[in-house]
Structure formats: C-alpha cells, structure tokens
Amino acid sequence: MTVVLLQGGAYEVNPIMAALIYRSVALFAALKMSLTGASITLMVILARHRFLRLLRVEWVLYGVLVAYASLITYEVWLLKGPLDLPI
C-alpha cells in the first residue's frame, strides 16, 4: 500500500525508510517486513516479561496491533480518497 500511495502523491514520513524507498523498492519492502516480523516475534517470545518494569510486553504487543490496524485503516482511507492513484 505504501508504494501505491507514494505513486499517487503521498510521501513517506519515516526519513530512514523514505531514503531507502527511492533507492530500491525491493530492499524497502524486505527491510520493512523483516523489521516488523522480527519485532513481533521478539515481543511474542517476551510477552510475559515487563517493559521498563512497568508494563508487560503482552500489552505493548496489543498496542502495536491497534497501531497497525489503525495504520492500515488510514491507508485504505487514503486509497479511497482524492489522491491521483494509478489504480
């Protein structure tokens, strides 16, 4: 969805990923999926531990789930919006 949105006039907010996407879309996608997959896997493994001795990692994982669901919902909303998308 990110690539389609970028083709329609959107821009990548993350400066590191923005620099990467203009070098190689394949590398961008591979890095994005790898980092997300590794982070989620690590949080699942550590779900019973505490983050900063305050919050169980399990609840951080739920927060990440809500954040990703919100991001996907926002991107779908943008796809249906007024951008000049090539679809």
PDB file of N, CA and C in Angstrom:
ATOM      1  N   MET A   1       0.817  -1.194   0.000  1.00  0.00           N
ATOM      2  CA  MET A   1       0.000   0.000   0.000  1.00  0.00           C
ATOM      3  C   MET A   1       0.863   1.262   0.000  1.00  0.00           C
ATOM      4  N   THR A   2       1.993   1.194   0.691  1.00  0.00           N
ATOM      5  CA  THR A   2       2.865   2.366   0.753  1.00  0.00           C
ATOM      6  C   THR A   2       3.323   2.786  -0.639  1.00  0.00           C
ATOM      7  N   VAL A   3       3.736   1.841  -1.447  1.00  0.00           N
ATOM      8  CA  VAL A   3       4.236   2.157  -2.786  1.00  0.00           C
ATOM      9  C   VAL A   3       3.125   2.759  -3.643  1.00  0.00           C
ATOM     10  N   VAL A   4       1.941   2.199  -3.568  1.00  0.00           N
ATOM     11  CA  VAL A   4       0.806   2.721  -4.345  1.00  0.00           C
ATOM     12  C   VAL A   4       0.481   4.142  -3.903  1.00  0.00           C
ATOM     13  N   LEU A   5       0.482   4.376  -2.604  1.00  0.00           N
ATOM     14  CA  LEU A   5       0.213   5.720  -2.099  1.00  0.00           C
ATOM     15  C   LEU A   5       1.295   6.704  -2.527  1.00  0.00           C
ATOM     16  N   LEU A   6       2.539   6.274  -2.509  1.00  0.00           N
ATOM     17  CA  LEU A   6       3.638   7.147  -2.943  1.00  0.00           C
ATOM     18  C   LEU A   6       3.505   7.506  -4.422  1.00  0.00           C
ATOM     19  N   GLN A   7       3.073   6.554  -5.232  1.00  0.00           N
ATOM     20  CA  GLN A   7       2.871   6.827  -6.653  1.00  0.00           C
ATOM     21  C   GLN A   7       1.737   7.819  -6.870  1.00  0.00           C
ATOM     22  N   GLY A   8       0.817   7.885  -5.915  1.00  0.00           N
ATOM     23  CA  GLY A   8      -0.319   8.791  -6.031  1.00  0.00           C
ATOM     24  C   GLY A   8      -0.079  10.161  -5.438  1.00  0.00           C
ATOM     25  N   GLY A   9       1.116  10.405  -4.903  1.00  0.00           N
ATOM     26  CA  GLY A   9       1.406  11.736  -4.384  1.00  0.00           C
ATOM     27  C   GLY A   9       1.631  11.803  -2.888  1.00  0.00           C
ATOM     28  N   ALA A  10       1.449  10.696  -2.187  1.00  0.00           N
ATOM     29  CA  ALA A  10       1.717  10.690  -0.743  1.00  0.00           C
ATOM     30  C   ALA A  10       3.228  10.681  -0.532  1.00  0.00           C
ATOM     31  N   TYR A  11       3.660  10.836   0.707  1.00  0.00           N
ATOM     32  CA  TYR A  11       5.082  10.766   0.998  1.00  0.00           C
ATOM     33  C   TYR A  11       5.319   9.936   2.250  1.00  0.00           C
ATOM     34  N   GLU A  12       6.495   9.342   2.325  1.00  0.00           N
ATOM     35  CA  GLU A  12       6.887   8.510   3.470  1.00  0.00           C
ATOM     36  C   GLU A  12       7.335   9.427   4.595  1.00  0.00           C
ATOM     37  N   VAL A  13       6.723   9.279   5.759  1.00  0.00           N
ATOM     38  CA  VAL A  13       7.021  10.137   6.902  1.00  0.00           C
ATOM     39  C   VAL A  13       8.325   9.735   7.587  1.00  0.00           C
ATOM     40  N   ASN A  14       8.616   8.438   7.630  1.00  0.00           N
ATOM     41  CA  ASN A  14       9.828   7.941   8.266  1.00  0.00           C
ATOM     42  C   ASN A  14      11.022   8.301   7.380  1.00  0.00           C
ATOM     43  N   PRO A  15      11.942   9.156   7.854  1.00  0.00           N
ATOM     44  CA  PRO A  15      13.037   9.613   6.996  1.00  0.00           C
ATOM     45  C   PRO A  15      13.994   8.497   6.559  1.00  0.00           C
ATOM     46  N   ILE A  16      14.207   7.506   7.391  1.00  0.00           N
ATOM     47  CA  ILE A  16      15.094   6.407   7.023  1.00  0.00           C
ATOM     48  C   ILE A  16      14.462   5.578   5.907  1.00  0.00           C
ATOM     49  N   MET A  17      13.184   5.229   6.079  1.00  0.00           N
ATOM     50  CA  MET A  17      12.502   4.441   5.049  1.00  0.00           C
ATOM     51  C   MET A  17      12.293   5.273   3.781  1.00  0.00           C
ATOM     52  N   ALA A  18      12.107   6.587   3.923  1.00  0.00           N
ATOM     53  CA  ALA A  18      11.949   7.443   2.747  1.00  0.00           C
ATOM     54  C   ALA A  18      13.211   7.424   1.899  1.00  0.00           C
ATOM     55  N   ALA A  19      14.378   7.501   2.539  1.00  0.00           N
ATOM     56  CA  ALA A  19      15.635   7.449   1.790  1.00  0.00           C
ATOM     57  C   ALA A  19      15.803   6.089   1.120  1.00  0.00           C
ATOM     58  N   LEU A  20      15.367   5.050   1.778  1.00  0.00           N
ATOM     59  CA  LEU A  20      15.533   3.696   1.263  1.00  0.00           C
ATOM     60  C   LEU A  20      14.590   3.395   0.099  1.00  0.00           C
ATOM     61  N   ILE A  21      13.372   3.878   0.165  1.00  0.00           N
ATOM     62  CA  ILE A  21      12.394   3.517  -0.868  1.00  0.00           C
ATOM     63  C   ILE A  21      12.771   4.093  -2.225  1.00  0.00           C
ATOM     64  N   TYR A  22      13.462   5.223  -2.227  1.00  0.00           N
ATOM     65  CA  TYR A  22      13.851   5.807  -3.509  1.00  0.00           C
ATOM     66  C   TYR A  22      15.108   5.158  -4.081  1.00  0.00           C
ATOM     67  N   ARG A  23      15.807   4.353  -3.276  1.00  0.00           N
ATOM     68  CA  ARG A  23      16.964   3.603  -3.766  1.00  0.00           C
ATOM     69  C   ARG A  23      16.521   2.263  -4.348  1.00  0.00           C
ATOM     70  N   SER A  24      15.668   1.536  -3.592  1.00  0.00           N
ATOM     71  CA  SER A  24      15.241   0.208  -4.041  1.00  0.00           C
ATOM     72  C   SER A  24      13.929  -0.160  -3.362  1.00  0.00           C
ATOM     73  N   VAL A  25      12.891  -0.309  -4.146  1.00  0.00           N
ATOM     74  CA  VAL A  25      11.588  -0.681  -3.593  1.00  0.00           C
ATOM     75  C   VAL A  25      11.650  -2.087  -3.001  1.00  0.00           C
ATOM     76  N   ALA A  26      12.389  -2.981  -3.646  1.00  0.00           N
ATOM     77  CA  ALA A  26      12.500  -4.352  -3.143  1.00  0.00           C
ATOM     78  C   ALA A  26      13.208  -4.381  -1.792  1.00  0.00           C
ATOM     79  N   LEU A  27      14.284  -3.611  -1.654  1.00  0.00           N
ATOM     80  CA  LEU A  27      15.009  -3.534  -0.387  1.00  0.00           C
ATOM     81  C   LEU A  27      14.133  -2.898   0.693  1.00  0.00           C
ATOM     82  N   PHE A  28      13.388  -1.859   0.317  1.00  0.00           N
ATOM     83  CA  PHE A  28      12.454  -1.205   1.233  1.00  0.00           C
ATOM     84  C   PHE A  28      11.444  -2.213   1.768  1.00  0.00           C
ATOM     85  N   ALA A  29      10.821  -2.966   0.874  1.00  0.00           N
ATOM     86  CA  ALA A  29       9.799  -3.942   1.276  1.00  0.00           C
ATOM     87  C   ALA A  29      10.403  -5.045   2.143  1.00  0.00           C
ATOM     88  N   ALA A  30      11.575  -5.527   1.742  1.00  0.00           N
ATOM     89  CA  ALA A  30      12.223  -6.596   2.511  1.00  0.00           C
ATOM     90  C   ALA A  30      12.599  -6.117   3.909  1.00  0.00           C
ATOM     91  N   LEU A  31      13.153  -4.925   4.013  1.00  0.00           N
ATOM     92  CA  LEU A  31      13.537  -4.390   5.320  1.00  0.00           C
ATOM     93  C   LEU A  31      12.315  -4.125   6.192  1.00  0.00           C
ATOM     94  N   LYS A  32      11.283  -3.561   5.603  1.00  0.00           N
ATOM     95  CA  LYS A  32      10.067  -3.253   6.359  1.00  0.00           C
ATOM     96  C   LYS A  32       9.425  -4.530   6.907  1.00  0.00           C
ATOM     97  N   MET A  33       9.318  -5.551   6.078  1.00  0.00           N
ATOM     98  CA  MET A  33       8.720  -6.814   6.529  1.00  0.00           C
ATOM     99  C   MET A  33       9.621  -7.534   7.526  1.00  0.00           C
ATOM    100  N   SER A  34      10.932  -7.483   7.301  1.00  0.00           N
ATOM    101  CA  SER A  34      11.866  -8.143   8.216  1.00  0.00           C
ATOM    102  C   SER A  34      11.865  -7.505   9.603  1.00  0.00           C
ATOM    103  N   LEU A  35      11.931  -6.182   9.639  1.00  0.00           N
ATOM    104  CA  LEU A  35      11.929  -5.487  10.932  1.00  0.00           C
ATOM    105  C   LEU A  35      10.620  -5.708  11.677  1.00  0.00           C
ATOM    106  N   THR A  36       9.512  -5.632  10.961  1.00  0.00           N
ATOM    107  CA  THR A  36       8.212  -5.843  11.596  1.00  0.00           C
ATOM    108  C   THR A  36       8.094  -7.281  12.099  1.00  0.00           C
ATOM    109  N   GLY A  37       8.446  -8.237  11.268  1.00  0.00           N
ATOM    110  CA  GLY A  37       8.358  -9.644  11.657  1.00  0.00           C
ATOM    111  C   GLY A  37       9.257  -9.974  12.838  1.00  0.00           C
ATOM    112  N   ALA A  38      10.491  -9.477  12.814  1.00  0.00           N
ATOM    113  CA  ALA A  38      11.421  -9.738  13.915  1.00  0.00           C
ATOM    114  C   ALA A  38      10.945  -9.097  15.210  1.00  0.00           C
ATOM    115  N   SER A  39      10.427  -7.878  15.120  1.00  0.00           N
ATOM    116  CA  SER A  39       9.940  -7.186  16.321  1.00  0.00           C
ATOM    117  C   SER A  39       8.744  -7.901  16.939  1.00  0.00           C
ATOM    118  N   ILE A  40       7.808  -8.300  16.104  1.00  0.00           N
ATOM    119  CA  ILE A  40       6.624  -9.001  16.600  1.00  0.00           C
ATOM    120  C   ILE A  40       7.021 -10.346  17.204  1.00  0.00           C
ATOM    121  N   THR A  41       7.906 -11.069  16.522  1.00  0.00           N
ATOM    122  CA  THR A  41       8.367 -12.365  17.049  1.00  0.00           C
ATOM    123  C   THR A  41       9.030 -12.191  18.403  1.00  0.00           C
ATOM    124  N   LEU A  42       9.892 -11.200  18.535  1.00  0.00           N
ATOM    125  CA  LEU A  42      10.562 -10.939  19.805  1.00  0.00           C
ATOM    126  C   LEU A  42       9.564 -10.588  20.904  1.00  0.00           C
ATOM    127  N   MET A  43       8.569  -9.765  20.572  1.00  0.00           N
ATOM    128  CA  MET A  43       7.563  -9.404  21.580  1.00  0.00           C
ATOM    129  C   MET A  43       6.713 -10.600  21.994  1.00  0.00           C
ATOM    130  N   VAL A  44       6.418 -11.492  21.066  1.00  0.00           N
ATOM    131  CA  VAL A  44       5.657 -12.696  21.413  1.00  0.00           C
ATOM    132  C   VAL A  44       6.485 -13.577  22.350  1.00  0.00           C
ATOM    133  N   ILE A  45       7.769 -13.719  22.051  1.00  0.00           N
ATOM    134  CA  ILE A  45       8.640 -14.515  22.916  1.00  0.00           C
ATOM    135  C   ILE A  45       8.732 -13.901  24.312  1.00  0.00           C
ATOM    136  N   LEU A  46       8.783 -12.581  24.381  1.00  0.00           N
ATOM    137  CA  LEU A  46       8.948 -11.882  25.661  1.00  0.00           C
ATOM    138  C   LEU A  46       7.632 -11.419  26.281  1.00  0.00           C
ATOM    139  N   ALA A  47       6.512 -11.944  25.813  1.00  0.00           N
ATOM    140  CA  ALA A  47       5.193 -11.452  26.232  1.00  0.00           C
ATOM    141  C   ALA A  47       4.978 -11.452  27.741  1.00  0.00           C
ATOM    142  N   ARG A  48       5.577 -12.367  28.458  1.00  0.00           N
ATOM    143  CA  ARG A  48       5.376 -12.452  29.909  1.00  0.00           C
ATOM    144  C   ARG A  48       6.342 -11.576  30.707  1.00  0.00           C
ATOM    145  N   HIS A  49       7.268 -10.935  30.042  1.00  0.00           N
ATOM    146  CA  HIS A  49       8.219 -10.056  30.719  1.00  0.00           C
ATOM    147  C   HIS A  49       7.652  -8.641  30.830  1.00  0.00           C
ATOM    148  N   ARG A  50       8.335  -7.819  31.598  1.00  0.00           N
ATOM    149  CA  ARG A  50       7.896  -6.431  31.765  1.00  0.00           C
ATOM    150  C   ARG A  50       8.813  -5.488  30.995  1.00  0.00           C
ATOM    151  N   PHE A  51       8.207  -4.472  30.401  1.00  0.00           N
ATOM    152  CA  PHE A  51       8.929  -3.428  29.682  1.00  0.00           C
ATOM    153  C   PHE A  51       9.169  -2.276  30.641  1.00  0.00           C
ATOM    154  N   LEU A  52      10.428  -1.937  30.885  1.00  0.00           N
ATOM    155  CA  LEU A  52      10.821  -0.885  31.827  1.00  0.00           C
ATOM    156  C   LEU A  52      10.252  -1.119  33.227  1.00  0.00           C
ATOM    157  N   ARG A  53      10.047  -2.379  33.563  1.00  0.00           N
ATOM    158  CA  ARG A  53       9.500  -2.802  34.860  1.00  0.00           C
ATOM    159  C   ARG A  53       8.106  -2.238  35.149  1.00  0.00           C
ATOM    160  N   LEU A  54       7.464  -1.706  34.160  1.00  0.00           N
ATOM    161  CA  LEU A  54       6.150  -1.091  34.352  1.00  0.00           C
ATOM    162  C   LEU A  54       5.028  -1.835  33.645  1.00  0.00           C
ATOM    163  N   LEU A  55       5.288  -2.234  32.440  1.00  0.00           N
ATOM    164  CA  LEU A  55       4.224  -2.709  31.565  1.00  0.00           C
ATOM    165  C   LEU A  55       4.621  -4.052  30.966  1.00  0.00           C
ATOM    166  N   ARG A  56       3.722  -5.006  31.026  1.00  0.00           N
ATOM    167  CA  ARG A  56       4.017  -6.304  30.411  1.00  0.00           C
ATOM    168  C   ARG A  56       4.106  -6.146  28.903  1.00  0.00           C
ATOM    169  N   VAL A  57       5.056  -6.843  28.306  1.00  0.00           N
ATOM    170  CA  VAL A  57       5.270  -6.779  26.856  1.00  0.00           C
ATOM    171  C   VAL A  57       4.005  -7.215  26.121  1.00  0.00           C
ATOM    172  N   GLU A  58       3.226  -8.068  26.741  1.00  0.00           N
ATOM    173  CA  GLU A  58       1.957  -8.505  26.153  1.00  0.00           C
ATOM    174  C   GLU A  58       1.072  -7.303  25.813  1.00  0.00           C
ATOM    175  N   TRP A  59       1.023  -6.318  26.706  1.00  0.00           N
ATOM    176  CA  TRP A  59       0.195  -5.135  26.467  1.00  0.00           C
ATOM    177  C   TRP A  59       0.807  -4.225  25.402  1.00  0.00           C
ATOM    178  N   VAL A  60       2.135  -4.203  25.330  1.00  0.00           N
ATOM    179  CA  VAL A  60       2.802  -3.465  24.256  1.00  0.00           C
ATOM    180  C   VAL A  60       2.444  -4.101  22.911  1.00  0.00           C
ATOM    181  N   LEU A  61       2.413  -5.414  22.885  1.00  0.00           N
ATOM    182  CA  LEU A  61       2.045  -6.134  21.675  1.00  0.00           C
ATOM    183  C   LEU A  61       0.613  -5.794  21.242  1.00  0.00           C
ATOM    184  N   TYR A  62      -0.288  -5.711  22.192  1.00  0.00           N
ATOM    185  CA  TYR A  62      -1.660  -5.286  21.864  1.00  0.00           C
ATOM    186  C   TYR A  62      -1.671  -3.865  21.314  1.00  0.00           C
ATOM    187  N   GLY A  63      -0.848  -3.003  21.893  1.00  0.00           N
ATOM    188  CA  GLY A  63      -0.748  -1.630  21.400  1.00  0.00           C
ATOM    189  C   GLY A  63      -0.241  -1.579  19.967  1.00  0.00           C
ATOM    190  N   VAL A  64       0.745  -2.418  19.653  1.00  0.00           N
ATOM    191  CA  VAL A  64       1.270  -2.487  18.293  1.00  0.00           C
ATOM    192  C   VAL A  64       0.187  -2.984  17.338  1.00  0.00           C
ATOM    193  N   LEU A  65      -0.594  -3.964  17.770  1.00  0.00           N
ATOM    194  CA  LEU A  65      -1.690  -4.471  16.948  1.00  0.00           C
ATOM    195  C   LEU A  65      -2.692  -3.360  16.628  1.00  0.00           C
ATOM    196  N   VAL A  66      -3.067  -2.596  17.634  1.00  0.00           N
ATOM    197  CA  VAL A  66      -4.011  -1.489  17.425  1.00  0.00           C
ATOM    198  C   VAL A  66      -3.395  -0.438  16.496  1.00  0.00           C
ATOM    199  N   ALA A  67      -2.108  -0.139  16.685  1.00  0.00           N
ATOM    200  CA  ALA A  67      -1.436   0.851  15.846  1.00  0.00           C
ATOM    201  C   ALA A  67      -1.395   0.398  14.388  1.00  0.00           C
ATOM    202  N   TYR A  68      -1.048  -0.866  14.138  1.00  0.00           N
ATOM    203  CA  TYR A  68      -1.010  -1.366  12.765  1.00  0.00           C
ATOM    204  C   TYR A  68      -2.401  -1.423  12.146  1.00  0.00           C
ATOM    205  N   ALA A  69      -3.390  -1.821  12.915  1.00  0.00           N
ATOM    206  CA  ALA A  69      -4.769  -1.827  12.393  1.00  0.00           C
ATOM    207  C   ALA A  69      -5.201  -0.412  12.029  1.00  0.00           C
ATOM    208  N   SER A  70      -4.840   0.555  12.866  1.00  0.00           N
ATOM    209  CA  SER A  70      -5.164   1.951  12.582  1.00  0.00           C
ATOM    210  C   SER A  70      -4.437   2.435  11.333  1.00  0.00           C
ATOM    211  N   LEU A  71      -3.161   2.074  11.195  1.00  0.00           N
ATOM    212  CA  LEU A  71      -2.387   2.476  10.026  1.00  0.00           C
ATOM    213  C   LEU A  71      -2.980   1.894   8.753  1.00  0.00           C
ATOM    214  N   ILE A  72      -3.353   0.634   8.775  1.00  0.00           N
ATOM    215  CA  ILE A  72      -3.942   0.002   7.592  1.00  0.00           C
ATOM    216  C   ILE A  72      -5.281   0.650   7.249  1.00  0.00           C
ATOM    217  N   THR A  73      -6.083   0.927   8.270  1.00  0.00           N
ATOM    218  CA  THR A  73      -7.357   1.609   8.048  1.00  0.00           C
ATOM    219  C   THR A  73      -7.139   2.980   7.427  1.00  0.00           C
ATOM    220  N   TYR A  74      -6.147   3.721   7.922  1.00  0.00           N
ATOM    221  CA  TYR A  74      -5.825   5.036   7.382  1.00  0.00           C
ATOM    222  C   TYR A  74      -5.353   4.935   5.933  1.00  0.00           C
ATOM    223  N   GLU A  75      -4.513   3.956   5.631  1.00  0.00           N
ATOM    224  CA  GLU A  75      -4.024   3.794   4.268  1.00  0.00           C
ATOM    225  C   GLU A  75      -5.148   3.402   3.308  1.00  0.00           C
ATOM    226  N   VAL A  76      -6.066   2.565   3.753  1.00  0.00           N
ATOM    227  CA  VAL A  76      -7.226   2.220   2.921  1.00  0.00           C
ATOM    228  C   VAL A  76      -8.079   3.459   2.692  1.00  0.00           C
ATOM    229  N   TRP A  77      -8.244   4.272   3.719  1.00  0.00           N
ATOM    230  CA  TRP A  77      -8.999   5.522   3.589  1.00  0.00           C
ATOM    231  C   TRP A  77      -8.315   6.439   2.574  1.00  0.00           C
ATOM    232  N   LEU A  78      -6.988   6.522   2.629  1.00  0.00           N
ATOM    233  CA  LEU A  78      -6.253   7.337   1.660  1.00  0.00           C
ATOM    234  C   LEU A  78      -6.408   6.793   0.243  1.00  0.00           C
ATOM    235  N   LEU A  79      -6.417   5.474   0.108  1.00  0.00           N
ATOM    236  CA  LEU A  79      -6.594   4.883  -1.221  1.00  0.00           C
ATOM    237  C   LEU A  79      -7.940   5.233  -1.829  1.00  0.00           C
ATOM    238  N   LYS A  80      -8.941   5.405  -0.994  1.00  0.00           N
ATOM    239  CA  LYS A  80     -10.275   5.759  -1.485  1.00  0.00           C
ATOM    240  C   LYS A  80     -10.436   7.269  -1.622  1.00  0.00           C
ATOM    241  N   GLY A  81      -9.422   8.033  -1.192  1.00  0.00           N
ATOM    242  CA  GLY A  81      -9.504   9.476  -1.141  1.00  0.00           C
ATOM    243  C   GLY A  81      -9.176  10.166  -2.459  1.00  0.00           C
ATOM    244  N   PRO A  82      -8.893  11.469  -2.369  1.00  0.00           N
ATOM    245  CA  PRO A  82      -8.722  12.302  -3.559  1.00  0.00           C
ATOM    246  C   PRO A  82      -7.341  12.236  -4.219  1.00  0.00           C
ATOM    247  N   LEU A  83      -6.444  11.363  -3.754  1.00  0.00           N
ATOM    248  CA  LEU A  83      -5.137  11.273  -4.400  1.00  0.00           C
ATOM    249  C   LEU A  83      -5.274  10.759  -5.827  1.00  0.00           C
ATOM    250  N   ASP A  84      -4.362  11.146  -6.682  1.00  0.00           N
ATOM    251  CA  ASP A  84      -4.354  10.702  -8.078  1.00  0.00           C
ATOM    252  C   ASP A  84      -3.606   9.369  -8.140  1.00  0.00           C
ATOM    253  N   LEU A  85      -4.299   8.287  -7.784  1.00  0.00           N
ATOM    254  CA  LEU A  85      -3.653   6.978  -7.700  1.00  0.00           C
ATOM    255  C   LEU A  85      -3.731   6.225  -9.025  1.00  0.00           C
ATOM    256  N   PRO A  86      -2.666   5.478  -9.323  1.00  0.00           N
ATOM    257  CA  PRO A  86      -2.634   4.746 -10.593  1.00  0.00           C
ATOM    258  C   PRO A  86      -3.329   3.397 -10.526  1.00  0.00           C
ATOM    259  N   ILE A  87      -4.465   3.299  -9.879  1.00  0.00           N
ATOM    260  CA  ILE A  87      -5.188   2.031  -9.810  1.00  0.00           C
ATOM    261  C   ILE A  87      -6.544   2.136 -10.452  1.00  0.00           C
TER     262      ILE A  87
END
